[in-house]
Amino acid sequence: MFGRGKKVRKEMDQQLLTDIRKMKKEWEVLNSIMEQSIEPSDEGLQDLALVKAKYFYLLREARVRGINALS
């Protein structure tokens, strides 16, 4: 009963770390595509900005929660 909260928090922290890794990979892929493009489209640039913003939001959330990939 009392340990359930810690278990849920740990699961949420693991999901957050998974989401951070996923967003970083997506950002790297989109960034690579944009760098290789001769004339990047506006939609592509918007997608890149959105993924970057999500990634940094998740990093900030991890910092607030006091978690890192090593814990």
N, C-alpha and C. Protein backbone atom coordinates (compact mmCIF):
# COMPACT_ATOMS: atom_id res chain seq x y z
N MET A 1 0.82 -1.19 0.00
CA MET A 1 0.00 0.00 0.00
C MET A 1 0.86 1.26 0.00
N PHE A 2 1.85 1.33 0.89
CA PHE A 2 2.66 2.53 0.99
C PHE A 2 3.75 2.58 -0.07
N GLY A 3 4.19 1.45 -0.58
CA GLY A 3 5.24 1.40 -1.59
C GLY A 3 4.74 1.62 -3.00
N ARG A 4 3.44 1.66 -3.18
CA ARG A 4 2.86 1.78 -4.52
C ARG A 4 3.22 3.10 -5.19
N GLY A 5 3.23 4.18 -4.44
CA GLY A 5 3.55 5.49 -4.99
C GLY A 5 4.96 5.54 -5.56
N LYS A 6 5.89 4.91 -4.85
CA LYS A 6 7.28 4.90 -5.34
C LYS A 6 7.38 4.08 -6.61
N LYS A 7 6.62 3.00 -6.69
CA LYS A 7 6.65 2.15 -7.88
C LYS A 7 6.10 2.91 -9.09
N VAL A 8 5.00 3.61 -8.88
CA VAL A 8 4.40 4.39 -9.97
C VAL A 8 5.34 5.50 -10.40
N ARG A 9 5.95 6.17 -9.44
CA ARG A 9 6.89 7.26 -9.78
C ARG A 9 8.07 6.71 -10.57
N LYS A 10 8.59 5.55 -10.14
CA LYS A 10 9.72 4.96 -10.84
C LYS A 10 9.34 4.59 -12.28
N GLU A 11 8.15 4.05 -12.46
CA GLU A 11 7.68 3.72 -13.81
C GLU A 11 7.54 4.97 -14.67
N MET A 12 7.01 6.03 -14.08
CA MET A 12 6.85 7.29 -14.81
C MET A 12 8.21 7.88 -15.17
N ASP A 13 9.17 7.77 -14.25
CA ASP A 13 10.52 8.26 -14.53
C ASP A 13 11.15 7.47 -15.68
N GLN A 14 10.96 6.17 -15.69
CA GLN A 14 11.50 5.35 -16.77
C GLN A 14 10.85 5.72 -18.11
N GLN A 15 9.53 5.96 -18.08
CA GLN A 15 8.83 6.37 -19.31
C GLN A 15 9.35 7.71 -19.80
N LEU A 16 9.62 8.62 -18.87
CA LEU A 16 10.16 9.93 -19.23
C LEU A 16 11.52 9.78 -19.90
N LEU A 17 12.38 8.94 -19.34
CA LEU A 17 13.69 8.70 -19.94
C LEU A 17 13.56 8.09 -21.33
N THR A 18 12.62 7.18 -21.49
CA THR A 18 12.37 6.57 -22.80
C THR A 18 11.91 7.63 -23.80
N ASP A 19 11.02 8.49 -23.37
CA ASP A 19 10.52 9.56 -24.24
C ASP A 19 11.63 10.53 -24.62
N ILE A 20 12.53 10.82 -23.68
CA ILE A 20 13.65 11.71 -23.97
C ILE A 20 14.54 11.10 -25.04
N ARG A 21 14.85 9.83 -24.89
CA ARG A 21 15.70 9.17 -25.90
C ARG A 21 15.03 9.16 -27.27
N LYS A 22 13.72 8.91 -27.28
CA LYS A 22 12.97 8.88 -28.54
C LYS A 22 12.97 10.26 -29.21
N MET A 23 12.72 11.31 -28.42
CA MET A 23 12.71 12.66 -28.97
C MET A 23 14.09 13.07 -29.47
N LYS A 24 15.15 12.68 -28.76
CA LYS A 24 16.50 13.02 -29.19
C LYS A 24 16.80 12.37 -30.53
N LYS A 25 16.43 11.10 -30.66
CA LYS A 25 16.66 10.38 -31.92
C LYS A 25 15.88 11.04 -33.06
N GLU A 26 14.62 11.38 -32.79
CA GLU A 26 13.78 12.03 -33.81
C GLU A 26 14.37 13.39 -34.20
N TRP A 27 14.83 14.14 -33.22
CA TRP A 27 15.44 15.44 -33.48
C TRP A 27 16.69 15.28 -34.33
N GLU A 28 17.53 14.30 -34.00
CA GLU A 28 18.76 14.08 -34.77
C GLU A 28 18.46 13.70 -36.21
N VAL A 29 17.46 12.86 -36.41
CA VAL A 29 17.09 12.44 -37.77
C VAL A 29 16.58 13.63 -38.58
N LEU A 30 15.65 14.40 -38.00
CA LEU A 30 15.10 15.56 -38.70
C LEU A 30 16.19 16.61 -38.96
N ASN A 31 17.05 16.82 -37.99
CA ASN A 31 18.13 17.79 -38.16
C ASN A 31 19.06 17.36 -39.29
N SER A 32 19.36 16.09 -39.36
CA SER A 32 20.21 15.57 -40.43
C SER A 32 19.56 15.79 -41.80
N ILE A 33 18.27 15.53 -41.87
CA ILE A 33 17.54 15.72 -43.13
C ILE A 33 17.56 17.20 -43.53
N MET A 34 17.33 18.08 -42.57
CA MET A 34 17.30 19.51 -42.87
C MET A 34 18.68 20.01 -43.29
N GLU A 35 19.74 19.49 -42.66
CA GLU A 35 21.08 19.92 -43.03
C GLU A 35 21.46 19.46 -44.43
N GLN A 36 20.94 18.32 -44.86
CA GLN A 36 21.27 17.78 -46.17
C GLN A 36 20.39 18.37 -47.27
N SER A 37 19.32 19.01 -46.88
CA SER A 37 18.41 19.59 -47.87
C SER A 37 19.00 20.86 -48.46
N ILE A 38 18.83 20.99 -49.75
CA ILE A 38 19.30 22.20 -50.42
C ILE A 38 18.40 23.37 -50.03
N GLU A 39 17.11 23.13 -50.07
CA GLU A 39 16.14 24.14 -49.73
C GLU A 39 15.09 23.53 -48.80
N PRO A 40 15.32 23.57 -47.48
CA PRO A 40 14.38 22.95 -46.54
C PRO A 40 13.00 23.62 -46.60
N SER A 41 11.97 22.81 -46.52
CA SER A 41 10.62 23.35 -46.58
C SER A 41 10.25 23.99 -45.24
N ASP A 42 9.28 24.88 -45.30
CA ASP A 42 8.79 25.52 -44.08
C ASP A 42 8.20 24.49 -43.13
N GLU A 43 7.49 23.53 -43.69
CA GLU A 43 6.87 22.48 -42.87
C GLU A 43 7.95 21.66 -42.16
N GLY A 44 9.01 21.35 -42.87
CA GLY A 44 10.12 20.60 -42.27
C GLY A 44 10.79 21.37 -41.15
N LEU A 45 10.97 22.65 -41.36
CA LEU A 45 11.57 23.48 -40.32
C LEU A 45 10.66 23.60 -39.10
N GLN A 46 9.36 23.66 -39.34
CA GLN A 46 8.41 23.72 -38.23
C GLN A 46 8.42 22.40 -37.45
N ASP A 47 8.48 21.29 -38.16
CA ASP A 47 8.55 19.98 -37.50
C ASP A 47 9.81 19.88 -36.65
N LEU A 48 10.92 20.36 -37.19
CA LEU A 48 12.19 20.33 -36.47
C LEU A 48 12.10 21.18 -35.20
N ALA A 49 11.53 22.36 -35.30
CA ALA A 49 11.38 23.25 -34.14
C ALA A 49 10.47 22.62 -33.09
N LEU A 50 9.41 21.95 -33.53
CA LEU A 50 8.49 21.31 -32.60
C LEU A 50 9.16 20.17 -31.85
N VAL A 51 9.89 19.33 -32.56
CA VAL A 51 10.57 18.20 -31.92
C VAL A 51 11.63 18.72 -30.96
N LYS A 52 12.34 19.76 -31.35
CA LYS A 52 13.37 20.34 -30.49
C LYS A 52 12.74 20.89 -29.21
N ALA A 53 11.61 21.57 -29.33
CA ALA A 53 10.93 22.12 -28.16
C ALA A 53 10.45 21.00 -27.23
N LYS A 54 9.91 19.94 -27.81
CA LYS A 54 9.46 18.80 -26.99
C LYS A 54 10.63 18.17 -26.25
N TYR A 55 11.75 18.00 -26.95
CA TYR A 55 12.94 17.39 -26.35
C TYR A 55 13.43 18.22 -25.16
N PHE A 56 13.53 19.53 -25.34
CA PHE A 56 14.02 20.37 -24.26
C PHE A 56 13.01 20.45 -23.11
N TYR A 57 11.73 20.37 -23.42
CA TYR A 57 10.72 20.32 -22.36
C TYR A 57 10.89 19.06 -21.51
N LEU A 58 11.09 17.93 -22.17
CA LEU A 58 11.27 16.67 -21.44
C LEU A 58 12.55 16.70 -20.61
N LEU A 59 13.61 17.29 -21.14
CA LEU A 59 14.85 17.42 -20.36
C LEU A 59 14.63 18.27 -19.11
N ARG A 60 13.90 19.36 -19.28
CA ARG A 60 13.61 20.22 -18.13
C ARG A 60 12.77 19.48 -17.09
N GLU A 61 11.80 18.70 -17.56
CA GLU A 61 10.96 17.92 -16.64
C GLU A 61 11.81 16.91 -15.87
N ALA A 62 12.76 16.27 -16.55
CA ALA A 62 13.64 15.31 -15.88
C ALA A 62 14.49 16.03 -14.82
N ARG A 63 14.98 17.22 -15.15
CA ARG A 63 15.78 17.97 -14.20
C ARG A 63 14.95 18.35 -12.96
N VAL A 64 13.71 18.77 -13.18
CA VAL A 64 12.83 19.13 -12.07
C VAL A 64 12.57 17.91 -11.18
N ARG A 65 12.38 16.75 -11.80
CA ARG A 65 12.13 15.52 -11.05
C ARG A 65 13.38 14.96 -10.41
N GLY A 66 14.53 15.46 -10.82
CA GLY A 66 15.80 15.00 -10.24
C GLY A 66 16.21 13.62 -10.72
N ILE A 67 15.89 13.32 -11.99
CA ILE A 67 16.28 12.01 -12.54
C ILE A 67 17.31 12.20 -13.64
N ASN A 68 18.08 11.14 -13.87
CA ASN A 68 19.01 11.13 -14.98
C ASN A 68 19.11 9.70 -15.49
N ALA A 69 19.81 9.51 -16.56
CA ALA A 69 19.88 8.19 -17.18
C ALA A 69 20.66 7.19 -16.33
N LEU A 70 21.47 7.67 -15.41
CA LEU A 70 22.29 6.78 -14.59
C LEU A 70 21.56 6.29 -13.34
N SER A 71 20.47 6.92 -12.97
CA SER A 71 19.78 6.50 -11.74
C SER A 71 18.76 5.42 -11.98
